C-alpha atoms as a PDB file:
ATOM      1  CA  MET A   1     -29.239 -38.971  16.147  1.00  0.00           C
ATOM      2  CA  THR A   2     -32.294 -40.558  17.743  1.00  0.00           C
ATOM      3  CA  ILE A   3     -35.444 -38.476  17.655  1.00  0.00           C
ATOM      4  CA  LEU A   4     -37.549 -38.971  20.768  1.00  0.00           C
ATOM      5  CA  ASN A   5     -41.215 -39.233  19.908  1.00  0.00           C
ATOM      6  CA  THR A   6     -42.619 -41.350  22.699  1.00  0.00           C
ATOM      7  CA  LEU A   7     -43.623 -40.551  26.247  1.00  0.00           C
ATOM      8  CA  ALA A   8     -41.908 -43.797  27.282  1.00  0.00           C
ATOM      9  CA  ALA A   9     -38.656 -41.762  27.247  1.00  0.00           C
ATOM     10  CA  HIS A  10     -40.023 -39.420  29.966  1.00  0.00           C
ATOM     11  CA  PRO A  11     -39.582 -40.445  33.639  1.00  0.00           C
ATOM     12  CA  CYS A  12     -43.302 -39.969  34.399  1.00  0.00           C
ATOM     13  CA  PHE A  13     -44.267 -42.654  31.889  1.00  0.00           C
ATOM     14  CA  LYS A  14     -41.498 -45.261  32.305  1.00  0.00           C
ATOM     15  CA  THR A  15     -43.872 -47.691  34.062  1.00  0.00           C
ATOM     16  CA  LEU A  16     -46.776 -47.213  31.660  1.00  0.00           C
ATOM     17  CA  ASP A  17     -47.534 -50.317  29.595  1.00  0.00           C
ATOM     18  CA  PRO A  18     -46.438 -50.006  25.938  1.00  0.00           C
ATOM     19  CA  GLU A  19     -49.940 -49.999  24.423  1.00  0.00           C
ATOM     20  CA  SER A  20     -51.220 -47.292  26.789  1.00  0.00           C
ATOM     21  CA  CYS A  21     -48.099 -45.277  26.033  1.00  0.00           C
ATOM     22  CA  ARG A  22     -48.687 -45.569  22.268  1.00  0.00           C
ATOM     23  CA  ILE A  23     -52.283 -44.363  22.745  1.00  0.00           C
ATOM     24  CA  LEU A  24     -51.043 -41.308  24.687  1.00  0.00           C
ATOM     25  CA  ASP A  25     -48.276 -40.712  22.120  1.00  0.00           C
ATOM     26  CA  ARG A  26     -50.933 -40.369  19.403  1.00  0.00           C
ATOM     27  CA  ARG A  27     -52.833 -37.804  21.491  1.00  0.00           C
ATOM     28  CA  CYS A  28     -49.757 -35.568  21.867  1.00  0.00           C
ATOM     29  CA  VAL A  29     -48.224 -33.053  19.494  1.00  0.00           C
ATOM     30  CA  TRP A  30     -44.445 -33.445  19.190  1.00  0.00           C
ATOM     31  CA  LEU A  31     -42.374 -30.275  19.099  1.00  0.00           C
ATOM     32  CA  LYS A  32     -38.742 -29.578  18.284  1.00  0.00           C
ATOM     33  CA  THR A  33     -37.785 -26.089  19.385  1.00  0.00           C
ATOM     34  CA  ALA A  34     -34.672 -24.119  18.590  1.00  0.00           C
ATOM     35  CA  ALA A  35     -32.837 -22.246  21.330  1.00  0.00           C
ATOM     36  CA  GLY A  36     -34.422 -18.836  21.848  1.00  0.00           C
ATOM     37  CA  SER A  37     -37.844 -19.739  20.482  1.00  0.00           C
ATOM     38  CA  ARG A  38     -41.047 -19.180  22.457  1.00  0.00           C
ATOM     39  CA  VAL A  39     -42.915 -22.361  23.327  1.00  0.00           C
ATOM     40  CA  VAL A  40     -45.776 -20.926  25.394  1.00  0.00           C
ATOM     41  CA  GLY A  41     -46.880 -17.326  25.569  1.00  0.00           C
ATOM     42  CA  ALA A  42     -49.074 -15.651  28.147  1.00  0.00           C
ATOM     43  CA  GLY A  43     -51.512 -12.922  27.244  1.00  0.00           C
ATOM     44  CA  SER A  44     -52.725 -11.519  23.972  1.00  0.00           C
ATOM     45  CA  TRP A  45     -49.365  -9.942  23.116  1.00  0.00           C
ATOM     46  CA  GLU A  46     -48.012 -13.355  22.095  1.00  0.00           C
ATOM     47  CA  VAL A  47     -48.077 -14.217  18.430  1.00  0.00           C
ATOM     48  CA  GLY A  48     -49.588 -17.581  17.573  1.00  0.00           C
ATOM     49  CA  GLN A  49     -50.833 -18.430  21.067  1.00  0.00           C
ATOM     50  CA  THR A  50     -54.410 -18.351  22.232  1.00  0.00           C
ATOM     51  CA  ALA A  51     -55.667 -17.358  25.652  1.00  0.00           C
ATOM     52  CA  SER A  52     -57.269 -20.806  25.974  1.00  0.00           C
ATOM     53  CA  ASP A  53     -53.982 -22.760  25.800  1.00  0.00           C
ATOM     54  CA  ARG A  54     -54.240 -25.258  28.679  1.00  0.00           C
ATOM     55  CA  ASP A  55     -51.875 -27.882  27.324  1.00  0.00           C
ATOM     56  CA  VAL A  56     -49.193 -29.606  29.393  1.00  0.00           C
ATOM     57  CA  TYR A  57     -45.666 -29.904  28.033  1.00  0.00           C
ATOM     58  CA  PHE A  58     -43.321 -32.803  28.802  1.00  0.00           C
ATOM     59  CA  VAL A  59     -39.662 -31.978  28.211  1.00  0.00           C
ATOM     60  CA  LEU A  60     -37.790 -34.914  26.680  1.00  0.00           C
ATOM     61  CA  THR A  61     -34.546 -33.125  25.778  1.00  0.00           C
ATOM     62  CA  GLY A  62     -33.133 -29.656  26.276  1.00  0.00           C
ATOM     63  CA  ARG A  63     -33.873 -26.885  28.748  1.00  0.00           C
ATOM     64  CA  LEU A  64     -36.507 -24.153  28.851  1.00  0.00           C
ATOM     65  CA  ARG A  65     -37.101 -21.038  30.962  1.00  0.00           C
ATOM     66  CA  ALA A  66     -40.416 -19.801  32.377  1.00  0.00           C
ATOM     67  CA  ALA A  67     -40.761 -16.023  32.697  1.00  0.00           C
ATOM     68  CA  LEU A  68     -43.369 -13.335  33.184  1.00  0.00           C
ATOM     69  CA  ARG A  69     -43.112 -10.459  30.768  1.00  0.00           C
ATOM     70  CA  GLY A  70     -42.765  -7.146  32.596  1.00  0.00           C
ATOM     71  CA  SER A  71     -42.847  -3.565  31.374  1.00  0.00           C
ATOM     72  CA  TRP A  72     -39.109  -3.052  32.053  1.00  0.00           C
ATOM     73  CA  GLN A  73     -37.769  -6.585  32.259  1.00  0.00           C
ATOM     74  CA  ASP A  74     -38.858 -10.210  32.321  1.00  0.00           C
ATOM     75  CA  LEU A  75     -39.158 -11.932  35.703  1.00  0.00           C
ATOM     76  CA  VAL A  76     -37.626 -15.407  35.438  1.00  0.00           C
ATOM     77  CA  PHE A  77     -39.446 -18.043  37.482  1.00  0.00           C
ATOM     78  CA  THR A  78     -37.519 -21.211  36.834  1.00  0.00           C
ATOM     79  CA  ASP A  79     -35.638 -23.348  34.350  1.00  0.00           C
ATOM     80  CA  VAL A  80     -37.377 -26.508  33.184  1.00  0.00           C
ATOM     81  CA  GLU A  81     -34.974 -29.366  32.492  1.00  0.00           C
ATOM     82  CA  ALA A  82     -35.367 -32.545  30.455  1.00  0.00           C
ATOM     83  CA  GLY A  83     -37.460 -35.083  32.376  1.00  0.00           C
ATOM     84  CA  SER A  84     -39.765 -32.417  33.781  1.00  0.00           C
ATOM     85  CA  PHE A  85     -43.049 -30.875  32.691  1.00  0.00           C
ATOM     86  CA  PHE A  86     -44.920 -27.573  32.839  1.00  0.00           C
ATOM     87  CA  GLY A  87     -48.424 -26.257  32.272  1.00  0.00           C
ATOM     88  CA  GLU A  88     -50.032 -28.636  34.761  1.00  0.00           C
ATOM     89  CA  LEU A  89     -51.635 -25.795  36.739  1.00  0.00           C
ATOM     90  CA  SER A  90     -53.383 -24.494  33.621  1.00  0.00           C
ATOM     91  CA  ALA A  91     -54.754 -27.947  32.880  1.00  0.00           C
ATOM     92  CA  LEU A  92     -55.836 -28.637  36.458  1.00  0.00           C
ATOM     93  CA  GLU A  93     -57.297 -25.181  37.021  1.00  0.00           C
ATOM     94  CA  GLY A  94     -58.792 -24.758  33.556  1.00  0.00           C
ATOM     95  CA  ALA A  95     -57.114 -21.366  33.170  1.00  0.00           C
ATOM     96  CA  PRO A  96     -54.723 -20.135  30.470  1.00  0.00           C
ATOM     97  CA  HIS A  97     -50.966 -20.118  31.037  1.00  0.00           C
ATOM     98  CA  ALA A  98     -49.874 -17.157  33.149  1.00  0.00           C
ATOM     99  CA  HIS A  99     -46.275 -17.039  31.924  1.00  0.00           C
ATOM    100  CA  SER A 100     -44.156 -17.458  28.839  1.00  0.00           C
ATOM    101  CA  VAL A 101     -41.738 -20.317  28.271  1.00  0.00           C
ATOM    102  CA  PHE A 102     -38.675 -19.991  26.033  1.00  0.00           C
ATOM    103  CA  ALA A 103     -36.238 -22.656  24.880  1.00  0.00           C
ATOM    104  CA  VAL A 104     -32.784 -22.075  26.368  1.00  0.00           C
ATOM    105  CA  ASN A 105     -31.351 -24.969  24.344  1.00  0.00           C
ATOM    106  CA  ASP A 106     -32.691 -26.894  21.365  1.00  0.00           C
ATOM    107  CA  SER A 107     -35.425 -29.013  22.940  1.00  0.00           C
ATOM    108  CA  THR A 108     -37.873 -31.823  22.221  1.00  0.00           C
ATOM    109  CA  LEU A 109     -41.292 -31.679  23.854  1.00  0.00           C
ATOM    110  CA  ALA A 110     -44.574 -33.541  23.900  1.00  0.00           C
ATOM    111  CA  ARG A 111     -47.606 -31.247  24.129  1.00  0.00           C
ATOM    112  CA  MET A 112     -50.547 -33.039  25.729  1.00  0.00           C
ATOM    113  CA  PRO A 113     -54.058 -31.546  25.708  1.00  0.00           C
ATOM    114  CA  GLY A 114     -55.142 -30.459  29.184  1.00  0.00           C
ATOM    115  CA  ALA A 115     -58.158 -32.792  29.283  1.00  0.00           C
ATOM    116  CA  VAL A 116     -55.967 -35.783  28.376  1.00  0.00           C
ATOM    117  CA  PHE A 117     -53.469 -34.780  31.066  1.00  0.00           C
ATOM    118  CA  VAL A 118     -56.134 -34.522  33.793  1.00  0.00           C
ATOM    119  CA  GLU A 119     -57.549 -37.920  32.820  1.00  0.00           C
ATOM    120  CA  THR A 120     -54.063 -39.455  32.818  1.00  0.00           C
ATOM    121  CA  VAL A 121     -53.117 -37.965  36.210  1.00  0.00           C
ATOM    122  CA  PHE A 122     -55.992 -39.901  37.776  1.00  0.00           C
ATOM    123  CA  THR A 123     -55.396 -43.163  35.900  1.00  0.00           C
ATOM    124  CA  HIS A 124     -51.573 -43.398  35.918  1.00  0.00           C
ATOM    125  CA  ARG A 125     -50.262 -43.199  39.477  1.00  0.00           C
ATOM    126  CA  PRO A 126     -46.593 -42.336  38.689  1.00  0.00           C
ATOM    127  CA  LEU A 127     -47.723 -39.224  36.780  1.00  0.00           C
ATOM    128  CA  GLY A 128     -50.075 -38.264  39.605  1.00  0.00           C
ATOM    129  CA  GLU A 129     -47.262 -38.676  42.146  1.00  0.00           C
ATOM    130  CA  ALA A 130     -44.890 -36.602  40.006  1.00  0.00           C
ATOM    131  CA  VAL A 131     -47.469 -33.806  39.729  1.00  0.00           C
ATOM    132  CA  VAL A 132     -48.091 -33.774  43.492  1.00  0.00           C
ATOM    133  CA  ALA A 133     -44.334 -33.830  44.238  1.00  0.00           C
ATOM    134  CA  THR A 134     -43.747 -30.952  41.811  1.00  0.00           C
ATOM    135  CA  LEU A 135     -46.538 -28.859  43.302  1.00  0.00           C
ATOM    136  CA  VAL A 136     -45.274 -29.486  46.852  1.00  0.00           C
ATOM    137  CA  ALA A 137     -41.712 -28.515  45.883  1.00  0.00           C
ATOM    138  CA  ARG A 138     -42.925 -25.319  44.183  1.00  0.00           C
ATOM    139  CA  ASN A 139     -45.099 -24.437  47.174  1.00  0.00           C
ATOM    140  CA  ARG A 140     -42.171 -24.895  49.573  1.00  0.00           C
ATOM    141  CA  ALA A 141     -39.878 -22.794  47.393  1.00  0.00           C
ATOM    142  CA  MET A 142     -42.482 -20.041  47.154  1.00  0.00           C
ATOM    143  CA  THR A 143     -43.048 -20.109  50.930  1.00  0.00           C
ATOM    144  CA  ARG A 144     -39.288 -19.820  51.484  1.00  0.00           C
ATOM    145  CA  ARG A 145     -39.072 -16.825  49.125  1.00  0.00           C
ATOM    146  CA  VAL A 146     -42.023 -15.094  50.838  1.00  0.00           C
ATOM    147  CA  ARG A 147     -40.430 -15.691  54.243  1.00  0.00           C
ATOM    148  CA  GLU A 148     -37.107 -14.252  53.005  1.00  0.00           C
ATOM    149  CA  ALA A 149     -38.865 -11.228  51.492  1.00  0.00           C
ATOM    150  CA  ALA A 150     -40.812 -10.644  54.716  1.00  0.00           C
ATOM    151  CA  HIS A 151     -37.590 -10.839  56.727  1.00  0.00           C
ATOM    152  CA  PHE A 152     -35.863  -8.375  54.400  1.00  0.00           C
ATOM    153  CA  CYS A 153     -38.798  -5.951  54.512  1.00  0.00           C
ATOM    154  CA  ALA A 154     -39.013  -6.157  58.295  1.00  0.00           C
ATOM    155  CA  SER A 155     -35.316  -5.555  58.896  1.00  0.00           C
ATOM    156  CA  GLY A 156     -34.721  -3.167  56.004  1.00  0.00           C
ATOM    157  CA  PRO A 157     -31.559  -2.994  53.936  1.00  0.00           C
ATOM    158  CA  PRO A 158     -28.252  -2.818  55.801  1.00  0.00           C
ATOM    159  CA  SER A 159     -26.934   0.668  56.496  1.00  0.00           C
ATOM    160  CA  VAL A 160     -23.991   1.955  54.490  1.00  0.00           C
ATOM    161  CA  GLY A 161     -21.033   3.552  56.276  1.00  0.00           C
ATOM    162  CA  SER A 162     -21.909   5.766  59.228  1.00  0.00           C
ATOM    163  CA  THR A 163     -25.307   6.769  57.835  1.00  0.00           C
ATOM    164  CA  ARG A 164     -28.083   5.495  60.048  1.00  0.00           C
ATOM    165  CA  SER A 165     -30.995   3.958  58.203  1.00  0.00           C
ATOM    166  CA  ARG A 166     -34.508   4.460  59.454  1.00  0.00           C
ATOM    167  CA  LEU A 167     -36.446   1.415  60.497  1.00  0.00           C
ATOM    168  CA  ARG A 168     -38.837   0.726  57.655  1.00  0.00           C
ATOM    169  CA  GLU A 169     -42.378  -0.376  58.243  1.00  0.00           C
ATOM    170  CA  SER A 170     -43.036  -3.689  56.567  1.00  0.00           C
ATOM    171  CA  ARG A 171     -45.947  -4.015  54.164  1.00  0.00           C
ATOM    172  CA  PHE A 172     -45.955  -7.747  54.941  1.00  0.00           C
ATOM    173  CA  ASP A 173     -45.670  -8.404  58.655  1.00  0.00           C
ATOM    174  CA  ALA A 174     -45.372 -12.180  58.886  1.00  0.00           C
ATOM    175  CA  VAL A 175     -46.211 -12.383  62.589  1.00  0.00           C
ATOM    176  CA  ALA A 176     -49.204 -10.038  62.310  1.00  0.00           C
ATOM    177  CA  ASP A 177     -50.466 -11.782  59.175  1.00  0.00           C
ATOM    178  CA  VAL A 178     -50.092 -15.236  60.701  1.00  0.00           C
ATOM    179  CA  CYS A 179     -51.887 -14.023  63.856  1.00  0.00           C
ATOM    180  CA  SER A 180     -54.774 -12.799  61.756  1.00  0.00           C
ATOM    181  CA  ILE A 181     -55.196 -16.181  60.056  1.00  0.00           C
ATOM    182  CA  GLY A 182     -56.994 -17.651  63.045  1.00  0.00           C
ATOM    183  CA  GLU A 183     -57.214 -17.807  66.774  1.00  0.00           C
ATOM    184  CA  ASP A 184     -54.849 -20.788  67.060  1.00  0.00           C
ATOM    185  CA  TYR A 185     -51.648 -18.737  66.884  1.00  0.00           C
ATOM    186  CA  PRO A 186     -49.201 -21.473  68.066  1.00  0.00           C
ATOM    187  CA  ARG A 187     -50.501 -23.837  65.388  1.00  0.00           C
ATOM    188  CA  ALA A 188     -50.201 -21.157  62.714  1.00  0.00           C
ATOM    189  CA  ARG A 189     -46.713 -20.282  63.976  1.00  0.00           C
ATOM    190  CA  ARG A 190     -45.498 -23.865  63.474  1.00  0.00           C
ATOM    191  CA  TRP A 191     -46.803 -23.738  59.913  1.00  0.00           C
ATOM    192  CA  LEU A 192     -44.203 -21.087  59.066  1.00  0.00           C
END
């Protein structure tokens, strides 16, 4: 079994010259995680994690799950597959991780310090492009979920049987909120 311990195995670094890759490899911490183990924890309730953790994690093998710990249940955000990364917002923003990440399968990761990541994003174009593409995809997915939630709130749940349901007032009125963004309503409308 080959143990991956170089960023050259990650899609974001395939075009990086070998010497630059070796330099980055030495600046990373290499992690092997067992299924079910916590990789990143948000908040002070996590054991072994600090509130200042701004590292970025590159997933070389396995699969992880990002979740927010709730009082009754965890809210799952996404699964993070091999060839992807997470923690970039913490590094770019300079804020601690807002969620927890658990290994779904046994996984191999490279943990890069946030400052090294930010420097590398601006000096290695393929990584910068991957970060921008990831942020755009997440933004679009979030916008789609907000639009779906606004539609559901506006129309209310479907009625059951012959019982008439009352029209519920939406707490998020997409049209009203978009209108309040600015005076150029048609432009704002196309944005949705």
